[in-house]
Protein backbone atom coordinates (compact mmCIF):
# COMPACT_ATOMS: atom_id res chain seq x y z
CA UNK A 1 0.18 -0.01 0.30
CA UNK A 2 3.10 2.48 0.44
CA UNK A 3 3.80 3.17 -3.45
CA UNK A 4 0.20 3.59 -3.31
CA UNK A 5 0.04 6.59 -0.99
CA UNK A 6 3.11 7.69 -2.43
CA UNK A 7 1.18 8.37 -5.47
CA UNK A 8 -1.70 9.91 -4.14
CA UNK A 9 0.69 12.00 -2.44
CA UNK A 10 2.38 13.30 -5.33
CA UNK A 11 -0.46 13.37 -7.95
CA UNK A 12 -0.50 17.33 -7.07
CA UNK A 13 3.28 17.64 -8.73
CA UNK A 14 1.61 16.29 -12.25
CA UNK A 15 0.11 19.44 -13.03
CA UNK A 16 2.67 21.79 -11.41
CA UNK A 17 5.19 19.56 -13.70
CA UNK A 18 3.34 20.32 -16.85
CA UNK A 19 3.01 23.87 -16.19
CA UNK A 20 6.63 24.46 -15.95
CA UNK A 21 7.15 22.30 -18.94
CA UNK A 22 4.80 24.26 -20.95
CA UNK A 23 6.64 27.51 -20.01
CA UNK A 24 9.96 26.15 -20.56
CA UNK A 25 8.42 25.76 -24.37
CA UNK A 26 7.34 28.93 -24.49
CA UNK A 27 10.60 30.50 -23.32
CA UNK A 28 12.49 28.28 -25.96
CA UNK A 29 9.89 29.15 -29.01
CA UNK A 30 10.03 32.03 -30.53
CA UNK A 31 6.65 33.59 -30.07
CA UNK A 32 5.05 34.17 -33.67
CA UNK A 33 2.02 36.14 -32.59
CA UNK A 34 4.36 38.82 -31.15
CA UNK A 35 6.63 38.84 -34.01
CA UNK A 36 3.73 39.02 -36.17
CA UNK A 37 2.12 42.01 -34.63
CA UNK A 38 5.36 43.86 -33.44
CA UNK A 39 6.67 46.06 -36.17
CA UNK A 40 9.19 48.29 -34.23
CA UNK A 41 11.89 48.30 -32.19
CA UNK A 42 10.96 47.02 -28.39
CA UNK A 43 10.49 50.13 -26.04
CA UNK A 44 12.21 48.39 -23.12
CA UNK A 45 15.73 48.37 -24.34
CA UNK A 46 18.82 50.26 -22.94
CA UNK A 47 20.86 52.17 -25.77
CA UNK A 48 24.13 51.80 -24.01
CA UNK A 49 23.77 48.63 -23.00
CA UNK A 50 22.75 47.52 -26.66
CA UNK A 51 25.82 49.49 -28.04
CA UNK A 52 27.81 47.46 -25.44
CA UNK A 53 26.62 44.11 -26.97
CA UNK A 54 27.06 45.40 -30.23
CA UNK A 55 30.78 46.40 -29.50
CA UNK A 56 31.24 42.75 -27.52
CA UNK A 57 30.02 41.04 -30.56
CA UNK A 58 31.79 42.61 -32.98
CA UNK A 59 34.95 42.05 -30.89
CA UNK A 60 34.24 38.65 -30.73
CA UNK A 61 33.52 37.96 -34.18
CA UNK A 62 36.90 39.26 -35.16
CA UNK A 63 38.50 37.58 -33.09
CA UNK A 64 37.05 34.45 -33.96
CA UNK A 65 36.29 34.33 -37.67
CA UNK A 66 38.88 37.41 -38.81
CA UNK A 67 36.42 38.77 -41.39
CA UNK A 68 38.66 41.46 -42.38
CA UNK A 69 41.63 39.19 -43.33
CA UNK A 70 39.71 35.81 -44.46
CA UNK A 71 36.25 36.83 -45.58
CA UNK A 72 37.94 36.47 -49.83
CA UNK A 73 40.18 34.45 -50.98
CA UNK A 74 43.72 36.59 -52.18
CA UNK A 75 46.71 36.58 -53.50
CA UNK A 76 47.98 37.43 -49.88
CA UNK A 77 46.09 34.83 -48.17
CA UNK A 78 45.97 31.85 -50.69
CA UNK A 79 49.35 31.99 -52.26
CA UNK A 80 50.63 29.83 -55.37
CA UNK A 81 51.24 26.33 -54.11
CA UNK A 82 48.91 26.78 -50.71
CA UNK A 83 45.98 24.53 -50.36
CA UNK A 84 42.55 25.34 -49.83
CA UNK A 85 40.79 22.52 -48.05
CA UNK A 86 37.07 23.02 -48.61
CA UNK A 87 34.45 23.93 -45.62
CA UNK A 88 31.69 21.09 -46.41
CA UNK A 89 33.17 18.45 -48.46
CA UNK A 90 36.40 18.26 -46.13
CA UNK A 91 37.71 15.49 -47.98
CA UNK A 92 38.32 17.56 -50.53
CA UNK A 93 40.98 20.36 -51.46
CA UNK A 94 42.42 22.92 -53.75
CA UNK A 95 46.00 23.23 -54.46
CA UNK A 96 46.28 27.30 -55.89
CA UNK A 97 47.72 26.98 -59.40
CA UNK A 98 48.78 29.33 -61.64
CA UNK A 99 45.01 30.02 -63.10
CA UNK A 100 42.90 29.88 -60.12
CA UNK A 101 45.68 32.20 -58.53
CA UNK A 102 45.13 34.68 -61.38
CA UNK A 103 41.50 34.60 -60.18
CA UNK A 104 42.39 36.09 -56.76
CA UNK A 105 41.68 39.74 -55.55
CA UNK A 106 45.43 40.75 -54.72
CA UNK A 107 43.86 42.19 -51.30
CA UNK A 108 41.01 42.16 -49.10
CA UNK A 109 38.39 44.37 -51.19
CA UNK A 110 36.06 45.32 -48.04
CA UNK A 111 37.23 48.14 -45.52
CA UNK A 112 37.68 47.10 -41.66
CA UNK A 113 34.91 49.21 -40.32
CA UNK A 114 31.66 51.02 -42.00
CA UNK A 115 29.03 52.98 -40.32
CA UNK A 116 25.85 51.31 -41.68
CA UNK A 117 25.00 47.80 -43.58
CA UNK A 118 22.14 46.55 -45.19
CA UNK A 119 21.58 43.00 -45.19
CA UNK A 120 18.62 42.53 -47.59
CA UNK A 121 16.91 38.88 -48.10
CA UNK A 122 14.62 37.51 -50.74
CA UNK A 123 11.49 36.83 -48.74
CA UNK A 124 7.98 38.31 -50.15
CA UNK A 125 7.38 40.59 -47.13
CA UNK A 126 9.79 43.15 -48.73
CA UNK A 127 6.93 43.07 -51.67
CA UNK A 128 5.14 46.72 -51.56
CA UNK A 129 7.00 47.56 -48.54
CA UNK A 130 8.41 50.93 -49.66
CA UNK A 131 12.31 50.31 -48.52
CA UNK A 132 13.98 50.46 -51.32
CA UNK A 133 14.91 54.28 -50.31
CA UNK A 134 15.96 53.22 -46.77
CA UNK A 135 17.95 50.56 -47.81
CA UNK A 136 20.05 52.86 -50.09
CA UNK A 137 21.33 54.94 -48.01
CA UNK A 138 23.52 52.25 -46.31
CA UNK A 139 26.97 52.32 -46.67
CA UNK A 140 27.32 48.62 -47.58
CA UNK A 141 24.34 47.01 -49.01
CA UNK A 142 24.82 42.66 -49.42
CA UNK A 143 21.93 40.78 -51.66
CA UNK A 144 22.00 37.27 -52.03
CA UNK A 145 21.74 35.13 -55.24
CA UNK A 146 21.05 38.01 -57.79
CA UNK A 147 17.91 39.14 -57.11
CA UNK A 148 16.15 41.83 -59.12
CA UNK A 149 16.27 45.35 -58.04
CA UNK A 150 12.83 47.48 -57.17
CA UNK A 151 11.19 49.86 -55.60
CA UNK A 152 10.99 47.72 -52.53
CA UNK A 153 14.28 46.18 -52.33
CA UNK A 154 16.38 49.14 -53.53
CA UNK A 155 18.75 49.78 -56.50
CA UNK A 156 22.07 50.03 -55.15
CA UNK A 157 24.38 46.64 -54.43
CA UNK A 158 28.05 45.96 -52.82
CA UNK A 159 27.95 42.58 -52.67
CA UNK A 160 25.63 39.98 -54.01
CA UNK A 161 26.21 36.52 -52.73
CA UNK A 162 25.66 33.87 -55.66
CA UNK A 163 25.96 30.15 -54.79
CA UNK A 164 27.59 27.90 -58.07
CA UNK A 165 24.24 26.09 -57.99
CA UNK A 166 22.50 29.65 -59.15
CA UNK A 167 25.06 29.50 -61.66
CA UNK A 168 24.66 25.93 -62.68
CA UNK A 169 20.70 26.61 -62.84
CA UNK A 170 20.52 30.01 -64.59
CA UNK A 171 23.24 29.47 -67.02
CA UNK A 172 23.29 25.61 -68.23
CA UNK A 173 24.46 26.60 -71.88
CA UNK A 174 27.71 29.01 -70.48
CA UNK A 175 26.84 31.96 -72.53
CA UNK A 176 28.72 34.62 -71.11
CA UNK A 177 26.71 37.24 -72.46
CA UNK A 178 23.92 36.24 -70.61
CA UNK A 179 25.54 36.11 -67.32
CA UNK A 180 26.98 39.77 -68.00
CA UNK A 181 23.79 41.09 -68.75
CA UNK A 182 22.14 39.42 -65.42
CA UNK A 183 25.26 40.93 -63.48
CA UNK A 184 25.14 44.36 -65.19
CA UNK A 185 22.32 45.88 -63.12
CA UNK A 186 24.71 45.58 -59.79
CA UNK A 187 26.78 48.18 -61.69
CA UNK A 188 30.42 47.97 -59.40
CA UNK A 189 29.90 45.04 -57.28
CA UNK A 190 31.78 42.37 -55.96
CA UNK A 191 30.02 38.66 -56.69
CA UNK A 192 30.83 36.31 -53.47
CA UNK A 193 30.85 33.15 -54.37
CA UNK A 194 31.44 30.00 -52.30
CA UNK A 195 33.75 28.26 -54.68
CA UNK A 196 35.52 25.75 -52.16
CA UNK A 197 32.93 24.74 -50.22
CA UNK A 198 32.40 21.23 -52.37
CA UNK A 199 34.29 20.22 -55.53
CA UNK A 200 30.67 20.73 -57.65
CA UNK A 201 31.16 24.75 -57.20
CA UNK A 202 34.67 25.33 -58.24
CA UNK A 203 33.69 24.75 -62.31
CA UNK A 204 30.78 27.23 -62.26
CA UNK A 205 32.89 29.82 -60.29
CA UNK A 206 35.79 29.79 -62.04
CA UNK A 207 33.72 30.11 -65.05
CA UNK A 208 32.05 33.40 -63.80
CA UNK A 209 34.97 34.97 -62.54
CA UNK A 210 36.83 34.09 -65.45
CA UNK A 211 33.95 35.57 -67.58
CA UNK A 212 33.64 38.58 -66.18
CA UNK A 213 37.47 39.39 -65.69
CA UNK A 214 37.97 38.71 -69.99
CA UNK A 215 35.05 41.55 -70.13
CA UNK A 216 36.48 43.82 -68.05
CA UNK A 217 32.94 43.84 -66.87
CA UNK A 218 32.41 46.40 -63.81
CA UNK A 219 31.42 43.36 -61.39
CA UNK A 220 34.80 41.45 -59.64
CA UNK A 221 34.05 38.06 -58.64
CA UNK A 222 35.41 37.08 -55.14
CA UNK A 223 35.25 33.81 -53.74
CA UNK A 224 34.57 32.77 -50.31
CA UNK A 225 37.35 31.53 -48.04
CA UNK A 226 36.43 28.38 -46.63
CA UNK A 227 38.24 28.70 -43.97
CA UNK A 228 35.86 32.08 -42.64
CA UNK A 229 32.85 30.01 -43.81
CA UNK A 230 34.19 27.00 -41.30
CA UNK A 231 34.60 29.40 -38.68
CA UNK A 232 31.46 31.08 -38.79
CA UNK A 233 29.84 28.09 -38.46
CA UNK A 234 31.58 27.14 -35.39
CA UNK A 235 30.87 30.64 -33.90
CA UNK A 236 27.22 30.27 -34.17
CA UNK A 237 27.26 26.45 -33.57
CA UNK A 238 29.04 27.75 -29.81
CA UNK A 239 25.75 29.79 -29.36
CA UNK A 240 23.05 27.18 -30.35
CA UNK A 241 22.59 27.36 -34.33
CA UNK A 242 23.43 23.89 -34.91
CA UNK A 243 22.18 23.29 -38.74
CA UNK A 244 23.88 21.33 -41.69
CA UNK A 245 24.59 24.32 -43.09
CA UNK A 246 23.98 27.86 -42.68
CA UNK A 247 22.26 30.15 -45.17
CA UNK A 248 23.63 32.40 -46.86
CA UNK A 249 21.62 35.09 -44.99
CA UNK A 250 23.70 33.99 -41.90
CA UNK A 251 26.87 34.36 -43.39
CA UNK A 252 25.89 37.80 -45.10
CA UNK A 253 24.78 39.07 -41.39
CA UNK A 254 27.61 37.79 -39.69
CA UNK A 255 30.03 39.64 -42.66
CA UNK A 256 27.60 43.00 -41.34
CA UNK A 257 28.16 42.51 -38.08
CA UNK A 258 32.18 42.18 -38.28
CA UNK A 259 32.37 45.33 -40.11
CA UNK A 260 29.48 47.57 -40.06
CA UNK A 261 28.56 49.76 -36.66
CA UNK A 262 24.64 49.84 -37.53
CA UNK A 263 23.13 46.64 -39.25
CA UNK A 264 19.41 46.77 -40.76
CA UNK A 265 17.83 43.52 -42.06
CA UNK A 266 15.27 43.64 -44.63
CA UNK A 267 13.43 40.91 -46.19
CA UNK A 268 13.72 37.80 -43.50
CA UNK A 269 10.19 36.31 -42.63
CA UNK A 270 9.71 32.67 -42.47
CA UNK A 271 6.24 32.69 -42.36
CA UNK A 272 3.23 32.32 -44.88
CA UNK A 273 1.67 35.43 -44.07
CA UNK A 274 2.93 38.86 -42.90
CA UNK A 275 2.69 40.73 -39.76
CA UNK A 276 -0.97 42.38 -41.55
CA UNK A 277 -1.84 38.40 -41.65
CA UNK A 278 -1.79 39.13 -45.52
CA UNK A 279 -0.73 36.13 -47.80
CA UNK A 280 3.12 36.34 -49.28
CA UNK A 281 4.62 35.19 -51.90
CA UNK A 282 7.61 33.21 -52.38
CA UNK A 283 9.72 36.03 -52.75
CA UNK A 284 9.25 39.77 -53.29
CA UNK A 285 9.87 39.72 -57.27
CA UNK A 286 7.27 36.99 -57.87
CA UNK A 287 3.33 36.10 -57.44
CA UNK A 288 4.58 31.97 -56.73
CA UNK A 289 3.01 31.15 -53.02
CA UNK A 290 5.12 29.51 -50.58
CA UNK A 291 5.38 25.75 -50.94
CA UNK A 292 4.65 25.22 -47.51
CA UNK A 293 4.70 26.71 -44.24
CA UNK A 294 7.86 27.61 -43.34
CA UNK A 295 8.96 26.32 -39.79
CA UNK A 296 10.55 28.92 -37.14
CA UNK A 297 14.16 27.92 -37.89
CA UNK A 298 16.97 28.45 -35.60
CA UNK A 299 18.61 31.24 -37.70
CA UNK A 300 15.33 33.06 -37.19
CA UNK A 301 15.06 32.86 -33.90
CA UNK A 302 18.75 34.21 -33.71
CA UNK A 303 17.63 36.86 -35.84
CA UNK A 304 14.80 38.14 -33.35
CA UNK A 305 17.01 37.83 -30.42
CA UNK A 306 19.87 40.04 -31.91
CA UNK A 307 16.79 42.35 -32.67
CA UNK A 308 15.55 42.24 -29.08
CA UNK A 309 18.84 42.96 -27.50
CA UNK A 310 19.56 45.60 -29.84
CA UNK A 311 22.28 44.64 -32.08
CA UNK A 312 20.71 44.67 -35.26
CA UNK A 313 17.64 46.24 -36.37
CA UNK A 314 15.21 44.05 -37.90
CA UNK A 315 12.45 45.17 -40.61
CA UNK A 316 9.04 43.57 -40.35
CA UNK A 317 6.77 45.72 -41.89
CA UNK A 318 6.59 48.74 -44.72
CA UNK A 319 9.24 51.52 -44.23
CA UNK A 320 8.47 54.78 -42.52
CA UNK A 321 6.80 57.23 -45.33
CA UNK A 322 6.67 55.33 -48.24
CA UNK A 323 3.66 54.59 -50.77
CA UNK A 324 2.60 51.40 -50.94
CA UNK A 325 0.41 49.21 -53.30
CA UNK A 326 -2.12 47.02 -51.57
CA UNK A 327 -1.79 43.23 -50.91
CA UNK A 328 -3.50 40.85 -52.50
């Protein structure tokens, strides 16, 4: 009978434990309903603490990732005969020869300190936002995967991250004129490619770089240093973001946090409906509906944490003072 008496005494603990578990789960999750309704910066933030957090994160990123030196492969950090070990396919490496060396820039192309950066994703939340003018005011503007430039996304660009798979998909015929035309809208910008992540990335990346160089185009192709990509992944993994492969968006954000005093983030939202509960398209430049409900990823949770601590400004609604077309 003793076990029965113990069970009866302890029955009251069950609902208490369930309640505690519920609160723990809610704390772990990002509150999507709060995010959807909150399109402005939280009011409780202390500006002094936010500045201290920004400086601390920038310092730690500098120590850990060294974007100033390793952001791109250069003739200085990858001399002839050196070996670049791929960050994803670690069993594969590339020994720098005369051809690849000729495609590397001589020195790091990005200044070590900038006042403001805009990291622009391609999410449908940017459509009809009227944020283009605001984005164009940033000192450094980073985009992803050759998006069209609109009044919502802005017209200025300094860095475009392009996955080699995009080159394979859009330029299978290897017609250089087609690539050059696609890049021309980005004016004097850097085309940033992770050529040394896997063995399938080298050929399309080298082809793109050679095509741009031969045409003396306004753009310059940069290759992401695999050591930088490795360090960025390790940095965020140590802070709880453990995924198979970080998104291009988080790599863009890490670069901006490493270089810039103020970082504004646009076009990132993993829901099929915007803060106004209207249906969003997959991208700001198309009318394709989302394929499925986007889960709240660890990366977006990180964005909201950085936003709430004042390290970044995460734009989740229309930009102030802009005229907008109604969403359908």
